Amino acid sequence: MSPMPQPRGGKVPPPNNLYTAILAVAVAVLLATMVYVTYACQADYGTIFGTP
């Protein structure tokens, strides 16, 4: 027998870097959306917040 314990349930845990990559993609999409909305509001209405 191996001295290392075998994982139970047959599932192999994903590496932590996978979660970091998913978080990075989510933050990048959020940032890109914020930039797009800011640009679209400025182009269409001439202001970002409030009334023109």
C-alpha atoms as a PDB file:
ATOM      1  CA  MET A   1       0.000   0.000   0.000  1.00  0.00           C
ATOM      2  CA  SER A   2       1.058   3.525  -0.675  1.00  0.00           C
ATOM      3  CA  PRO A   3       1.808   5.785   2.307  1.00  0.00           C
ATOM      4  CA  MET A   4      -0.134   8.572   0.574  1.00  0.00           C
ATOM      5  CA  PRO A   5      -3.895   8.469   1.227  1.00  0.00           C
ATOM      6  CA  GLN A   6      -6.043   8.035  -1.850  1.00  0.00           C
ATOM      7  CA  PRO A   7      -8.865  10.530  -2.465  1.00  0.00           C
ATOM      8  CA  ARG A   8     -12.315   9.090  -1.851  1.00  0.00           C
ATOM      9  CA  GLY A   9     -15.256   9.396  -4.170  1.00  0.00           C
ATOM     10  CA  GLY A  10     -13.205   9.231  -7.356  1.00  0.00           C
ATOM     11  CA  LYS A  11     -13.206  12.999  -7.817  1.00  0.00           C
ATOM     12  CA  VAL A  12      -9.948  14.768  -8.459  1.00  0.00           C
ATOM     13  CA  PRO A  13      -9.984  18.326  -7.105  1.00  0.00           C
ATOM     14  CA  PRO A  14      -9.234  20.960  -9.769  1.00  0.00           C
ATOM     15  CA  PRO A  15      -6.106  23.032  -9.350  1.00  0.00           C
ATOM     16  CA  ASN A  16      -6.438  26.363  -7.570  1.00  0.00           C
ATOM     17  CA  ASN A  17      -5.176  28.183 -10.659  1.00  0.00           C
ATOM     18  CA  LEU A  18      -8.400  27.254 -12.453  1.00  0.00           C
ATOM     19  CA  TYR A  19     -10.453  29.313 -10.006  1.00  0.00           C
ATOM     20  CA  THR A  20      -7.986  32.185 -10.297  1.00  0.00           C
ATOM     21  CA  ALA A  21      -8.330  32.145 -14.086  1.00  0.00           C
ATOM     22  CA  ILE A  22     -12.134  32.112 -13.909  1.00  0.00           C
ATOM     23  CA  LEU A  23     -12.067  35.036 -11.468  1.00  0.00           C
ATOM     24  CA  ALA A  24      -9.684  36.972 -13.727  1.00  0.00           C
ATOM     25  CA  VAL A  25     -11.943  36.447 -16.754  1.00  0.00           C
ATOM     26  CA  ALA A  26     -15.009  37.542 -14.780  1.00  0.00           C
ATOM     27  CA  VAL A  27     -13.268  40.717 -13.573  1.00  0.00           C
ATOM     28  CA  ALA A  28     -12.049  41.485 -17.111  1.00  0.00           C
ATOM     29  CA  VAL A  29     -15.577  41.115 -18.512  1.00  0.00           C
ATOM     30  CA  LEU A  30     -16.951  43.353 -15.760  1.00  0.00           C
ATOM     31  CA  LEU A  31     -14.320  46.012 -16.444  1.00  0.00           C
ATOM     32  CA  ALA A  32     -14.906  45.872 -20.209  1.00  0.00           C
ATOM     33  CA  THR A  33     -18.658  46.264 -19.653  1.00  0.00           C
ATOM     34  CA  MET A  34     -18.104  49.283 -17.423  1.00  0.00           C
ATOM     35  CA  VAL A  35     -15.868  50.921 -20.028  1.00  0.00           C
ATOM     36  CA  TYR A  36     -18.387  50.229 -22.806  1.00  0.00           C
ATOM     37  CA  VAL A  37     -21.344  51.613 -20.848  1.00  0.00           C
ATOM     38  CA  THR A  38     -19.364  54.717 -19.911  1.00  0.00           C
ATOM     39  CA  TYR A  39     -18.335  55.298 -23.532  1.00  0.00           C
ATOM     40  CA  ALA A  40     -21.859  54.675 -24.864  1.00  0.00           C
ATOM     41  CA  CYS A  41     -23.441  57.066 -22.364  1.00  0.00           C
ATOM     42  CA  GLN A  42     -20.871  59.741 -23.108  1.00  0.00           C
ATOM     43  CA  ALA A  43     -21.336  59.341 -26.873  1.00  0.00           C
ATOM     44  CA  ASP A  44     -25.153  59.230 -26.804  1.00  0.00           C
ATOM     45  CA  TYR A  45     -26.026  61.660 -24.019  1.00  0.00           C
ATOM     46  CA  GLY A  46     -22.908  63.808 -23.614  1.00  0.00           C
ATOM     47  CA  THR A  47     -22.655  62.920 -19.941  1.00  0.00           C
ATOM     48  CA  ILE A  48     -22.058  59.867 -17.805  1.00  0.00           C
ATOM     49  CA  PHE A  49     -24.140  60.747 -14.734  1.00  0.00           C
ATOM     50  CA  GLY A  50     -27.123  62.999 -14.358  1.00  0.00           C
ATOM     51  CA  THR A  51     -29.085  64.918 -16.923  1.00  0.00           C
ATOM     52  CA  PRO A  52     -27.447  66.918 -19.699  1.00  0.00           C
END
